[in-house]
Amino acid sequence: MNPKLLGVETSSLIFSVAVADGPKILSYRQAQGLGPPALLLTEMIQETLEEAKLDLDRLDGFALSIGPGSFTGLRIGVMTVKVLAWALKKPVLPVSSLEVLAHNLAPSPVPVVPFLDARKGNVYMACFVPGKEGALQRTDPDALLRPEEVLERFEEPAILVGDGIKSYAALVNTVAPAGVEQADPSLWVPRADLLCKIAAARWPDGLVDDPHRLVPQYLYSP
């Protein structure tokens, strides 16, 4: 049976929420964080549920983009989902925001490398290679690195995706090998609809978490 999921993605300055019935997306909202972000997220959740014609108690659980990314956005997203999941006694399936971002380019014939600006001269990165049936498979854990460390890793074709391309444009254009491409800026933001599809595929495996234990994945030391 396909799980009915509410997906919440708040790791960037653009929040998104989706409701899915297995791989089918029933509703989707995306908005830039204007005004109080917690209120914005609550309104987006209400709107997506109304469009999908689903009540919260009919959900099988939640899909949550856990980070890394915006500290403020992740705190709001994680806390909102924790409260809802605890109140409804529903499970949560957390997914790396870098994996969600990489799936903007799935299927891809070459490795996909999320390259997010982490401030302080760093980037968040991971690496995903082409897998079966268009899926992407992780080869590297989420990491916090200097951008030049990431760019110097690749000798074969790959594609970078994320706002680190703009933040470190000079390095990308001089250090990256000729075979390393840059994704279009329209693909630099993780999306809740892709989050739901990833979570739905993993749901039968029971890869869910206790809402009480959920914490944002910042990568930076507290």
N, C-alpha and C. Protein backbone atom coordinates (compact mmCIF):
# COMPACT_ATOMS: atom_id res chain seq x y z
N MET A 1 0.85 -1.19 0.00
CA MET A 1 0.00 0.00 0.00
C MET A 1 0.89 1.25 0.00
N ASN A 2 0.55 2.21 -0.84
CA ASN A 2 1.31 3.45 -0.91
C ASN A 2 1.10 4.28 0.35
N PRO A 3 2.19 4.77 0.95
CA PRO A 3 2.02 5.63 2.13
C PRO A 3 1.57 7.03 1.75
N LYS A 4 0.69 7.58 2.55
CA LYS A 4 0.28 8.98 2.37
C LYS A 4 1.18 9.82 3.27
N LEU A 5 1.96 10.70 2.66
CA LEU A 5 3.01 11.42 3.37
C LEU A 5 2.87 12.93 3.20
N LEU A 6 3.23 13.64 4.25
CA LEU A 6 3.42 15.09 4.19
C LEU A 6 4.91 15.34 4.23
N GLY A 7 5.44 16.01 3.21
CA GLY A 7 6.86 16.30 3.15
C GLY A 7 7.14 17.76 3.42
N VAL A 8 8.16 18.03 4.25
CA VAL A 8 8.51 19.40 4.63
C VAL A 8 9.99 19.64 4.33
N GLU A 9 10.27 20.66 3.53
CA GLU A 9 11.64 21.01 3.15
C GLU A 9 11.88 22.48 3.49
N THR A 10 12.76 22.75 4.47
CA THR A 10 13.02 24.13 4.90
C THR A 10 14.52 24.40 5.03
N SER A 11 15.33 23.67 4.29
CA SER A 11 16.78 23.81 4.46
C SER A 11 17.36 25.00 3.70
N SER A 12 16.55 25.64 2.85
CA SER A 12 17.02 26.82 2.11
C SER A 12 16.13 28.00 2.43
N LEU A 13 16.35 29.12 1.76
CA LEU A 13 15.51 30.30 1.96
C LEU A 13 14.14 30.13 1.32
N ILE A 14 13.98 29.08 0.51
CA ILE A 14 12.69 28.80 -0.12
C ILE A 14 12.11 27.55 0.52
N PHE A 15 11.02 27.70 1.24
CA PHE A 15 10.35 26.58 1.89
C PHE A 15 9.45 25.87 0.86
N SER A 16 9.28 24.55 1.03
CA SER A 16 8.31 23.83 0.22
C SER A 16 7.67 22.72 1.04
N VAL A 17 6.43 22.41 0.68
CA VAL A 17 5.64 21.38 1.35
C VAL A 17 4.91 20.60 0.27
N ALA A 18 4.82 19.28 0.45
CA ALA A 18 4.09 18.45 -0.51
C ALA A 18 3.30 17.39 0.23
N VAL A 19 2.23 16.95 -0.38
CA VAL A 19 1.47 15.80 0.10
C VAL A 19 1.49 14.76 -1.01
N ALA A 20 1.81 13.52 -0.65
CA ALA A 20 1.96 12.47 -1.65
C ALA A 20 1.22 11.22 -1.25
N ASP A 21 0.75 10.50 -2.24
CA ASP A 21 0.20 9.16 -2.08
C ASP A 21 1.17 8.23 -2.79
N GLY A 22 2.12 7.68 -2.04
CA GLY A 22 3.20 6.94 -2.67
C GLY A 22 4.01 7.86 -3.57
N PRO A 23 4.30 7.44 -4.80
CA PRO A 23 5.08 8.30 -5.71
C PRO A 23 4.26 9.43 -6.35
N LYS A 24 2.93 9.41 -6.15
CA LYS A 24 2.07 10.42 -6.77
C LYS A 24 1.96 11.66 -5.88
N ILE A 25 2.28 12.81 -6.43
CA ILE A 25 2.19 14.07 -5.68
C ILE A 25 0.78 14.63 -5.81
N LEU A 26 0.12 14.78 -4.68
CA LEU A 26 -1.25 15.27 -4.66
C LEU A 26 -1.32 16.80 -4.60
N SER A 27 -0.36 17.41 -3.94
CA SER A 27 -0.34 18.87 -3.86
C SER A 27 1.06 19.32 -3.50
N TYR A 28 1.37 20.57 -3.87
CA TYR A 28 2.72 21.09 -3.66
C TYR A 28 2.65 22.61 -3.50
N ARG A 29 3.41 23.12 -2.54
CA ARG A 29 3.53 24.56 -2.33
C ARG A 29 5.00 24.93 -2.15
N GLN A 30 5.38 26.06 -2.71
CA GLN A 30 6.74 26.56 -2.55
C GLN A 30 6.67 28.07 -2.36
N ALA A 31 7.41 28.60 -1.40
CA ALA A 31 7.36 30.04 -1.13
C ALA A 31 8.65 30.50 -0.50
N GLN A 32 9.04 31.71 -0.84
CA GLN A 32 10.20 32.31 -0.20
C GLN A 32 9.81 32.80 1.19
N GLY A 33 10.74 32.67 2.13
CA GLY A 33 10.45 32.95 3.53
C GLY A 33 10.24 34.42 3.83
N LEU A 34 9.09 34.95 3.48
CA LEU A 34 8.76 36.33 3.80
C LEU A 34 7.88 36.36 5.04
N GLY A 35 8.15 37.27 5.97
CA GLY A 35 7.38 37.32 7.20
C GLY A 35 7.84 36.25 8.17
N PRO A 36 7.06 36.00 9.23
CA PRO A 36 7.44 34.99 10.22
C PRO A 36 7.51 33.61 9.58
N PRO A 37 8.69 32.96 9.52
CA PRO A 37 8.81 31.70 8.79
C PRO A 37 7.99 30.56 9.38
N ALA A 38 7.84 30.51 10.70
CA ALA A 38 7.05 29.44 11.30
C ALA A 38 5.59 29.54 10.87
N LEU A 39 5.07 30.77 10.82
CA LEU A 39 3.69 30.99 10.38
C LEU A 39 3.54 30.63 8.91
N LEU A 40 4.52 31.00 8.10
CA LEU A 40 4.50 30.67 6.68
C LEU A 40 4.41 29.16 6.49
N LEU A 41 5.24 28.41 7.21
CA LEU A 41 5.24 26.96 7.06
C LEU A 41 3.90 26.36 7.47
N THR A 42 3.34 26.84 8.57
CA THR A 42 2.04 26.34 9.03
C THR A 42 0.96 26.58 7.98
N GLU A 43 0.96 27.76 7.37
CA GLU A 43 -0.03 28.07 6.34
C GLU A 43 0.16 27.18 5.12
N MET A 44 1.42 26.93 4.75
CA MET A 44 1.69 26.08 3.59
C MET A 44 1.21 24.65 3.84
N ILE A 45 1.42 24.15 5.04
CA ILE A 45 0.96 22.80 5.38
C ILE A 45 -0.56 22.72 5.27
N GLN A 46 -1.25 23.72 5.81
CA GLN A 46 -2.72 23.73 5.74
C GLN A 46 -3.19 23.75 4.29
N GLU A 47 -2.55 24.57 3.47
CA GLU A 47 -2.96 24.71 2.07
C GLU A 47 -2.73 23.42 1.27
N THR A 48 -1.61 22.77 1.50
CA THR A 48 -1.34 21.54 0.74
C THR A 48 -2.30 20.43 1.15
N LEU A 49 -2.61 20.34 2.44
CA LEU A 49 -3.56 19.32 2.89
C LEU A 49 -4.95 19.58 2.32
N GLU A 50 -5.35 20.84 2.29
CA GLU A 50 -6.67 21.18 1.75
C GLU A 50 -6.74 20.84 0.25
N GLU A 51 -5.69 21.16 -0.48
CA GLU A 51 -5.68 20.87 -1.91
C GLU A 51 -5.70 19.36 -2.16
N ALA A 52 -4.99 18.61 -1.31
CA ALA A 52 -4.95 17.15 -1.45
C ALA A 52 -6.20 16.47 -0.91
N LYS A 53 -7.06 17.26 -0.25
CA LYS A 53 -8.28 16.73 0.37
C LYS A 53 -7.96 15.62 1.38
N LEU A 54 -6.97 15.92 2.22
CA LEU A 54 -6.56 14.98 3.27
C LEU A 54 -6.50 15.71 4.61
N ASP A 55 -6.92 15.03 5.65
CA ASP A 55 -6.73 15.54 7.00
C ASP A 55 -5.43 14.98 7.57
N LEU A 56 -4.87 15.67 8.54
CA LEU A 56 -3.62 15.22 9.14
C LEU A 56 -3.70 13.80 9.67
N ASP A 57 -4.84 13.45 10.27
CA ASP A 57 -4.93 12.13 10.89
C ASP A 57 -5.04 11.00 9.86
N ARG A 58 -5.22 11.34 8.58
CA ARG A 58 -5.24 10.31 7.53
C ARG A 58 -3.86 10.06 6.93
N LEU A 59 -2.88 10.84 7.35
CA LEU A 59 -1.51 10.61 6.88
C LEU A 59 -0.94 9.35 7.51
N ASP A 60 -0.06 8.68 6.77
CA ASP A 60 0.69 7.55 7.34
C ASP A 60 1.95 8.03 8.06
N GLY A 61 2.41 9.22 7.71
CA GLY A 61 3.59 9.75 8.37
C GLY A 61 4.11 10.98 7.66
N PHE A 62 5.34 11.34 8.00
CA PHE A 62 5.96 12.57 7.51
C PHE A 62 7.31 12.27 6.88
N ALA A 63 7.64 13.03 5.85
CA ALA A 63 8.98 13.03 5.27
C ALA A 63 9.61 14.38 5.60
N LEU A 64 10.83 14.35 6.11
CA LEU A 64 11.46 15.57 6.60
C LEU A 64 12.85 15.73 6.02
N SER A 65 13.09 16.88 5.40
CA SER A 65 14.44 17.22 4.95
C SER A 65 15.23 17.70 6.17
N ILE A 66 16.24 16.96 6.56
CA ILE A 66 16.86 17.11 7.87
C ILE A 66 18.09 18.02 7.87
N GLY A 67 18.54 18.45 6.69
CA GLY A 67 19.73 19.26 6.60
C GLY A 67 20.85 18.51 5.90
N PRO A 68 21.99 19.16 5.72
CA PRO A 68 22.36 20.49 6.21
C PRO A 68 21.73 21.61 5.38
N GLY A 69 21.86 22.82 5.94
CA GLY A 69 21.31 23.98 5.27
C GLY A 69 21.12 25.12 6.24
N SER A 70 20.12 25.93 5.98
CA SER A 70 19.82 27.10 6.79
C SER A 70 19.52 26.71 8.23
N PHE A 71 20.27 27.25 9.18
CA PHE A 71 20.06 26.91 10.59
C PHE A 71 18.64 27.24 11.03
N THR A 72 18.18 28.45 10.71
CA THR A 72 16.84 28.87 11.13
C THR A 72 15.76 28.03 10.47
N GLY A 73 15.87 27.84 9.18
CA GLY A 73 14.87 27.05 8.46
C GLY A 73 14.79 25.63 8.98
N LEU A 74 15.94 25.01 9.22
CA LEU A 74 15.94 23.63 9.69
C LEU A 74 15.31 23.52 11.08
N ARG A 75 15.62 24.48 11.95
CA ARG A 75 15.02 24.44 13.29
C ARG A 75 13.50 24.49 13.21
N ILE A 76 12.99 25.37 12.35
CA ILE A 76 11.54 25.53 12.22
C ILE A 76 10.92 24.27 11.62
N GLY A 77 11.53 23.73 10.55
CA GLY A 77 11.00 22.54 9.92
C GLY A 77 10.99 21.34 10.84
N VAL A 78 12.11 21.11 11.52
CA VAL A 78 12.21 19.96 12.40
C VAL A 78 11.24 20.08 13.57
N MET A 79 11.18 21.25 14.18
CA MET A 79 10.28 21.42 15.32
C MET A 79 8.82 21.26 14.91
N THR A 80 8.45 21.80 13.76
CA THR A 80 7.06 21.69 13.30
C THR A 80 6.67 20.23 13.08
N VAL A 81 7.53 19.50 12.38
CA VAL A 81 7.23 18.09 12.11
C VAL A 81 7.25 17.27 13.39
N LYS A 82 8.17 17.56 14.30
CA LYS A 82 8.22 16.83 15.57
C LYS A 82 6.91 16.99 16.35
N VAL A 83 6.42 18.21 16.41
CA VAL A 83 5.18 18.47 17.15
C VAL A 83 4.01 17.73 16.52
N LEU A 84 3.87 17.82 15.19
CA LEU A 84 2.77 17.16 14.50
C LEU A 84 2.87 15.64 14.65
N ALA A 85 4.07 15.10 14.45
CA ALA A 85 4.24 13.65 14.52
C ALA A 85 3.99 13.13 15.92
N TRP A 86 4.43 13.87 16.91
CA TRP A 86 4.21 13.45 18.31
C TRP A 86 2.73 13.49 18.65
N ALA A 87 2.05 14.56 18.23
CA ALA A 87 0.63 14.70 18.56
C ALA A 87 -0.22 13.63 17.87
N LEU A 88 0.15 13.28 16.64
CA LEU A 88 -0.63 12.32 15.86
C LEU A 88 -0.13 10.89 16.02
N LYS A 89 1.03 10.74 16.72
CA LYS A 89 1.66 9.42 16.87
C LYS A 89 1.93 8.79 15.51
N LYS A 90 2.56 9.60 14.63
CA LYS A 90 2.92 9.15 13.29
C LYS A 90 4.44 9.12 13.16
N PRO A 91 4.99 8.21 12.37
CA PRO A 91 6.44 8.16 12.18
C PRO A 91 6.95 9.23 11.23
N VAL A 92 8.27 9.45 11.28
CA VAL A 92 8.93 10.43 10.42
C VAL A 92 10.10 9.75 9.71
N LEU A 93 10.21 9.99 8.41
CA LEU A 93 11.36 9.48 7.67
C LEU A 93 12.25 10.66 7.29
N PRO A 94 13.42 10.81 7.92
CA PRO A 94 14.31 11.91 7.60
C PRO A 94 15.17 11.61 6.38
N VAL A 95 15.41 12.64 5.58
CA VAL A 95 16.23 12.52 4.37
C VAL A 95 17.18 13.71 4.33
N SER A 96 18.41 13.46 3.94
CA SER A 96 19.39 14.55 3.79
C SER A 96 18.90 15.56 2.76
N SER A 97 19.02 16.84 3.09
CA SER A 97 18.64 17.87 2.12
C SER A 97 19.55 17.84 0.89
N LEU A 98 20.78 17.36 1.05
CA LEU A 98 21.68 17.25 -0.11
C LEU A 98 21.20 16.16 -1.06
N GLU A 99 20.67 15.09 -0.52
CA GLU A 99 20.12 14.04 -1.39
C GLU A 99 18.88 14.53 -2.12
N VAL A 100 18.04 15.28 -1.41
CA VAL A 100 16.85 15.86 -2.06
C VAL A 100 17.28 16.78 -3.19
N LEU A 101 18.27 17.60 -2.93
CA LEU A 101 18.77 18.52 -3.95
C LEU A 101 19.33 17.77 -5.15
N ALA A 102 20.10 16.72 -4.90
CA ALA A 102 20.69 15.95 -6.01
C ALA A 102 19.63 15.38 -6.93
N HIS A 103 18.47 15.02 -6.39
CA HIS A 103 17.43 14.42 -7.20
C HIS A 103 16.73 15.41 -8.13
N ASN A 104 17.06 16.69 -8.03
CA ASN A 104 16.63 17.63 -9.06
C ASN A 104 17.19 17.25 -10.42
N LEU A 105 18.29 16.48 -10.42
CA LEU A 105 18.97 16.13 -11.67
C LEU A 105 18.82 14.66 -12.03
N ALA A 106 17.98 13.94 -11.31
CA ALA A 106 17.77 12.52 -11.62
C ALA A 106 16.75 12.36 -12.74
N PRO A 107 17.02 11.43 -13.68
CA PRO A 107 18.22 10.61 -13.79
C PRO A 107 19.37 11.41 -14.40
N SER A 108 20.59 11.06 -14.02
CA SER A 108 21.76 11.75 -14.53
C SER A 108 22.78 10.72 -15.04
N PRO A 109 23.39 10.99 -16.19
CA PRO A 109 24.39 10.06 -16.71
C PRO A 109 25.75 10.17 -16.02
N VAL A 110 25.92 11.22 -15.21
CA VAL A 110 27.20 11.44 -14.52
C VAL A 110 26.93 11.70 -13.04
N PRO A 111 27.97 11.59 -12.19
CA PRO A 111 27.77 11.88 -10.77
C PRO A 111 27.23 13.29 -10.54
N VAL A 112 26.34 13.40 -9.53
CA VAL A 112 25.77 14.68 -9.13
C VAL A 112 26.37 15.07 -7.80
N VAL A 113 26.87 16.30 -7.70
CA VAL A 113 27.56 16.76 -6.49
C VAL A 113 26.86 18.00 -5.94
N PRO A 114 26.02 17.86 -4.90
CA PRO A 114 25.49 19.05 -4.23
C PRO A 114 26.63 19.92 -3.73
N PHE A 115 26.51 21.23 -3.94
CA PHE A 115 27.59 22.17 -3.67
C PHE A 115 26.95 23.42 -3.07
N LEU A 116 26.58 23.33 -1.78
CA LEU A 116 25.82 24.39 -1.13
C LEU A 116 26.73 25.31 -0.33
N ASP A 117 26.48 26.59 -0.43
CA ASP A 117 27.24 27.57 0.35
C ASP A 117 26.93 27.37 1.84
N ALA A 118 27.97 27.07 2.63
CA ALA A 118 27.82 26.88 4.07
C ALA A 118 28.37 28.06 4.86
N ARG A 119 28.70 29.15 4.17
CA ARG A 119 29.30 30.35 4.78
C ARG A 119 30.68 30.01 5.34
N LYS A 120 31.35 31.03 5.86
CA LYS A 120 32.67 30.88 6.48
C LYS A 120 33.68 30.21 5.54
N GLY A 121 33.50 30.40 4.23
CA GLY A 121 34.44 29.83 3.27
C GLY A 121 34.30 28.35 3.06
N ASN A 122 33.15 27.77 3.41
CA ASN A 122 32.92 26.34 3.29
C ASN A 122 31.72 26.03 2.41
N VAL A 123 31.61 24.76 2.01
CA VAL A 123 30.42 24.28 1.32
C VAL A 123 29.98 22.96 1.96
N TYR A 124 28.66 22.70 1.85
CA TYR A 124 28.14 21.38 2.16
C TYR A 124 28.17 20.58 0.87
N MET A 125 28.63 19.33 0.95
CA MET A 125 28.71 18.52 -0.27
C MET A 125 28.44 17.05 0.02
N ALA A 126 28.12 16.34 -1.03
CA ALA A 126 28.02 14.88 -1.03
C ALA A 126 28.16 14.48 -2.50
N CYS A 127 28.14 13.19 -2.77
CA CYS A 127 28.25 12.74 -4.16
C CYS A 127 27.27 11.59 -4.39
N PHE A 128 26.55 11.67 -5.51
CA PHE A 128 25.56 10.66 -5.87
C PHE A 128 25.82 10.23 -7.31
N VAL A 129 25.88 8.92 -7.53
CA VAL A 129 26.18 8.40 -8.87
C VAL A 129 24.94 7.75 -9.47
N PRO A 130 24.91 7.61 -10.81
CA PRO A 130 23.75 6.98 -11.45
C PRO A 130 23.55 5.55 -10.94
N GLY A 131 22.28 5.21 -10.64
CA GLY A 131 21.95 3.87 -10.17
C GLY A 131 20.90 3.24 -11.07
N LYS A 132 20.19 2.26 -10.54
CA LYS A 132 19.19 1.54 -11.31
C LYS A 132 17.93 2.38 -11.52
N GLU A 133 17.35 2.24 -12.69
CA GLU A 133 16.06 2.86 -13.02
C GLU A 133 16.06 4.37 -12.76
N GLY A 134 17.18 5.02 -13.04
CA GLY A 134 17.25 6.47 -12.93
C GLY A 134 17.50 7.01 -11.55
N ALA A 135 17.57 6.12 -10.54
CA ALA A 135 17.82 6.59 -9.17
C ALA A 135 19.28 7.01 -9.01
N LEU A 136 19.52 7.79 -7.97
CA LEU A 136 20.88 8.19 -7.64
C LEU A 136 21.32 7.47 -6.37
N GLN A 137 22.55 7.00 -6.35
CA GLN A 137 23.07 6.28 -5.19
C GLN A 137 24.22 7.06 -4.57
N ARG A 138 24.18 7.18 -3.25
CA ARG A 138 25.19 7.94 -2.53
C ARG A 138 26.53 7.20 -2.51
N THR A 139 27.62 7.96 -2.71
CA THR A 139 28.96 7.40 -2.56
C THR A 139 29.75 8.09 -1.46
N ASP A 140 29.32 9.29 -1.06
CA ASP A 140 30.02 10.04 -0.02
C ASP A 140 29.01 10.53 1.02
N PRO A 141 29.38 10.53 2.30
CA PRO A 141 28.49 11.11 3.31
C PRO A 141 28.44 12.63 3.17
N ASP A 142 27.40 13.23 3.72
CA ASP A 142 27.33 14.69 3.75
C ASP A 142 28.56 15.22 4.49
N ALA A 143 29.16 16.25 3.93
CA ALA A 143 30.40 16.76 4.52
C ALA A 143 30.44 18.28 4.44
N LEU A 144 31.24 18.86 5.32
CA LEU A 144 31.52 20.29 5.34
C LEU A 144 32.98 20.47 4.96
N LEU A 145 33.22 21.07 3.78
CA LEU A 145 34.58 21.16 3.24
C LEU A 145 34.83 22.53 2.63
N ARG A 146 36.10 22.84 2.42
CA ARG A 146 36.46 24.01 1.64
C ARG A 146 36.09 23.75 0.19
N PRO A 147 35.61 24.73 -0.54
CA PRO A 147 35.18 24.48 -1.92
C PRO A 147 36.28 23.91 -2.81
N GLU A 148 37.51 24.36 -2.61
CA GLU A 148 38.59 23.84 -3.44
C GLU A 148 38.86 22.36 -3.18
N GLU A 149 38.61 21.91 -1.94
CA GLU A 149 38.77 20.48 -1.63
C GLU A 149 37.78 19.64 -2.42
N VAL A 150 36.57 20.16 -2.59
CA VAL A 150 35.55 19.44 -3.35
C VAL A 150 35.92 19.42 -4.83
N LEU A 151 36.28 20.57 -5.37
CA LEU A 151 36.54 20.68 -6.80
C LEU A 151 37.76 19.87 -7.23
N GLU A 152 38.73 19.74 -6.35
CA GLU A 152 39.94 19.00 -6.70
C GLU A 152 39.75 17.49 -6.66
N ARG A 153 38.60 17.02 -6.16
CA ARG A 153 38.34 15.59 -6.06
C ARG A 153 38.01 14.95 -7.41
N PHE A 154 37.53 15.74 -8.35
CA PHE A 154 36.92 15.17 -9.55
C PHE A 154 37.84 15.29 -10.75
N GLU A 155 38.15 14.13 -11.32
CA GLU A 155 38.93 14.08 -12.55
C GLU A 155 38.07 13.63 -13.72
N GLU A 156 36.88 13.09 -13.40
CA GLU A 156 35.96 12.62 -14.44
C GLU A 156 34.76 13.55 -14.50
N PRO A 157 33.92 13.42 -15.52
CA PRO A 157 32.73 14.27 -15.62
C PRO A 157 31.83 14.17 -14.39
N ALA A 158 31.27 15.28 -13.99
CA ALA A 158 30.34 15.38 -12.87
C ALA A 158 29.56 16.67 -13.06
N ILE A 159 28.51 16.85 -12.27
CA ILE A 159 27.73 18.08 -12.35
C ILE A 159 27.50 18.62 -10.95
N LEU A 160 27.82 19.89 -10.75
CA LEU A 160 27.61 20.57 -9.48
C LEU A 160 26.21 21.16 -9.45
N VAL A 161 25.58 21.14 -8.25
CA VAL A 161 24.27 21.76 -8.10
C VAL A 161 24.19 22.43 -6.74
N GLY A 162 23.77 23.70 -6.73
CA GLY A 162 23.64 24.42 -5.47
C GLY A 162 24.20 25.82 -5.56
N ASP A 163 23.86 26.66 -4.58
CA ASP A 163 24.23 28.07 -4.62
C ASP A 163 25.71 28.31 -4.37
N GLY A 164 26.46 27.28 -3.98
CA GLY A 164 27.91 27.43 -3.87
C GLY A 164 28.55 27.73 -5.21
N ILE A 165 27.87 27.38 -6.30
CA ILE A 165 28.38 27.68 -7.64
C ILE A 165 28.51 29.19 -7.82
N LYS A 166 27.51 29.92 -7.34
CA LYS A 166 27.55 31.38 -7.44
C LYS A 166 28.48 31.98 -6.40
N SER A 167 28.41 31.49 -5.16
CA SER A 167 29.21 32.06 -4.07
C SER A 167 30.70 31.90 -4.32
N TYR A 168 31.08 30.80 -4.95
CA TYR A 168 32.51 30.52 -5.18
C TYR A 168 32.78 30.38 -6.68
N ALA A 169 32.16 31.28 -7.45
CA ALA A 169 32.24 31.21 -8.91
C ALA A 169 33.68 31.25 -9.41
N ALA A 170 34.52 32.09 -8.81
CA ALA A 170 35.91 32.21 -9.27
C ALA A 170 36.64 30.88 -9.13
N LEU A 171 36.44 30.21 -8.00
CA LEU A 171 37.07 28.91 -7.79
C LEU A 171 36.51 27.86 -8.75
N VAL A 172 35.19 27.85 -8.88
CA VAL A 172 34.56 26.86 -9.75
C VAL A 172 35.08 26.99 -11.17
N ASN A 173 35.25 28.20 -11.61
CA ASN A 173 35.67 28.44 -13.00
C ASN A 173 37.16 28.24 -13.23
N THR A 174 37.95 28.20 -12.16
CA THR A 174 39.39 28.05 -12.34
C THR A 174 39.95 26.72 -11.83
N VAL A 175 39.34 26.17 -10.78
CA VAL A 175 39.86 24.95 -10.16
C VAL A 175 39.19 23.70 -10.69
N ALA A 176 37.88 23.79 -10.99
CA ALA A 176 37.14 22.61 -11.43
C ALA A 176 37.67 22.09 -12.76
N PRO A 177 37.84 20.78 -12.90
CA PRO A 177 38.26 20.20 -14.18
C PRO A 177 37.27 20.50 -15.29
N ALA A 178 37.72 20.37 -16.53
CA ALA A 178 36.89 20.72 -17.68
C ALA A 178 35.60 19.90 -17.74
N GLY A 179 35.63 18.67 -17.21
CA GLY A 179 34.46 17.80 -17.30
C GLY A 179 33.40 18.07 -16.26
N VAL A 180 33.65 18.99 -15.33
CA VAL A 180 32.69 19.29 -14.28
C VAL A 180 31.75 20.40 -14.76
N GLU A 181 30.46 20.09 -14.86
CA GLU A 181 29.46 21.03 -15.35
C GLU A 181 28.74 21.69 -14.19
N GLN A 182 27.94 22.70 -14.51
CA GLN A 182 27.16 23.43 -13.50
C GLN A 182 25.68 23.33 -13.82
N ALA A 183 24.89 22.91 -12.84
CA ALA A 183 23.45 22.82 -13.05
C ALA A 183 22.84 24.21 -13.19
N ASP A 184 21.74 24.29 -13.89
CA ASP A 184 21.03 25.55 -14.05
C ASP A 184 20.57 26.07 -12.68
N PRO A 185 20.62 27.38 -12.45
CA PRO A 185 20.20 27.94 -11.15
C PRO A 185 18.78 27.56 -10.74
N SER A 186 17.91 27.26 -11.68
CA SER A 186 16.55 26.86 -11.33
C SER A 186 16.52 25.53 -10.57
N LEU A 187 17.63 24.82 -10.55
CA LEU A 187 17.70 23.51 -9.90
C LEU A 187 18.51 23.54 -8.61
N TRP A 188 18.80 24.72 -8.09
CA TRP A 188 19.67 24.85 -6.93
C TRP A 188 18.95 24.72 -5.59
N VAL A 189 17.65 24.50 -5.58
CA VAL A 189 16.88 24.47 -4.34
C VAL A 189 16.24 23.09 -4.16
N PRO A 190 16.37 22.47 -2.97
CA PRO A 190 15.69 21.20 -2.71
C PRO A 190 14.18 21.38 -2.74
N ARG A 191 13.45 20.33 -3.14
CA ARG A 191 12.00 20.41 -3.31
C ARG A 191 11.30 19.32 -2.50
N ALA A 192 10.21 19.70 -1.86
CA ALA A 192 9.47 18.75 -1.02
C ALA A 192 8.81 17.64 -1.82
N ASP A 193 8.46 17.88 -3.08
CA ASP A 193 7.86 16.80 -3.87
C ASP A 193 8.86 15.68 -4.11
N LEU A 194 10.13 16.04 -4.39
CA LEU A 194 11.16 15.02 -4.55
C LEU A 194 11.46 14.33 -3.23
N LEU A 195 11.43 15.10 -2.14
CA LEU A 195 11.59 14.52 -0.80
C LEU A 195 10.55 13.42 -0.57
N CYS A 196 9.29 13.69 -0.91
CA CYS A 196 8.23 12.70 -0.72
C CYS A 196 8.46 11.45 -1.55
N LYS A 197 8.94 11.62 -2.77
CA LYS A 197 9.18 10.46 -3.64
C LYS A 197 10.30 9.58 -3.08
N ILE A 198 11.35 10.22 -2.56
CA ILE A 198 12.44 9.46 -1.95
C ILE A 198 11.92 8.70 -0.73
N ALA A 199 11.17 9.40 0.11
CA ALA A 199 10.65 8.79 1.34
C ALA A 199 9.67 7.66 1.04
N ALA A 200 8.82 7.84 0.03
CA ALA A 200 7.84 6.80 -0.31
C ALA A 200 8.53 5.52 -0.76
N ALA A 201 9.64 5.67 -1.51
CA ALA A 201 10.37 4.49 -1.96
C ALA A 201 11.02 3.74 -0.80
N ARG A 202 11.36 4.46 0.27
CA ARG A 202 12.03 3.84 1.41
C ARG A 202 11.05 3.41 2.51
N TRP A 203 9.85 3.87 2.44
CA TRP A 203 8.89 3.63 3.52
C TRP A 203 8.70 2.14 3.83
N PRO A 204 8.58 1.27 2.81
CA PRO A 204 8.39 -0.15 3.11
C PRO A 204 9.54 -0.78 3.90
N ASP A 205 10.72 -0.17 3.84
CA ASP A 205 11.88 -0.70 4.57
C ASP A 205 11.89 -0.31 6.04
N GLY A 206 10.92 0.51 6.44
CA GLY A 206 10.84 0.89 7.85
C GLY A 206 11.94 1.83 8.31
N LEU A 207 12.46 2.65 7.40
CA LEU A 207 13.57 3.55 7.74
C LEU A 207 13.06 4.84 8.37
N VAL A 208 12.21 4.69 9.37
CA VAL A 208 11.61 5.85 10.02
C VAL A 208 12.28 6.09 11.36
N ASP A 209 12.02 7.25 11.94
CA ASP A 209 12.68 7.63 13.18
C ASP A 209 11.63 8.06 14.21
N ASP A 210 12.02 7.93 15.48
CA ASP A 210 11.19 8.42 16.58
C ASP A 210 11.24 9.95 16.56
N PRO A 211 10.08 10.61 16.49
CA PRO A 211 10.09 12.09 16.44
C PRO A 211 10.88 12.72 17.58
N HIS A 212 10.91 12.09 18.75
CA HIS A 212 11.62 12.67 19.89
C HIS A 212 13.13 12.78 19.63
N ARG A 213 13.66 11.91 18.78
CA ARG A 213 15.10 11.89 18.54
C ARG A 213 15.53 12.76 17.38
N LEU A 214 14.59 13.34 16.67
CA LEU A 214 14.93 14.11 15.49
C LEU A 214 15.65 15.41 15.85
N VAL A 215 16.77 15.65 15.21
CA VAL A 215 17.50 16.91 15.36
C VAL A 215 18.00 17.32 13.98
N PRO A 216 18.13 18.62 13.73
CA PRO A 216 18.68 19.05 12.44
C PRO A 216 20.11 18.58 12.27
N GLN A 217 20.47 18.30 11.03
CA GLN A 217 21.85 17.94 10.70
C GLN A 217 22.55 19.21 10.22
N TYR A 218 23.30 19.81 11.14
CA TYR A 218 23.96 21.08 10.81
C TYR A 218 25.35 20.88 10.20
N LEU A 219 26.07 19.85 10.62
CA LEU A 219 27.46 19.55 10.26
C LEU A 219 28.45 20.47 10.99
N TYR A 220 28.09 21.75 11.16
CA TYR A 220 28.93 22.61 11.98
C TYR A 220 28.84 22.18 13.44
N SER A 221 29.95 22.26 14.16
CA SER A 221 29.93 21.94 15.58
C SER A 221 29.12 22.98 16.33
N PRO A 222 28.30 22.54 17.32
CA PRO A 222 27.55 23.51 18.12
C PRO A 222 28.47 24.51 18.81
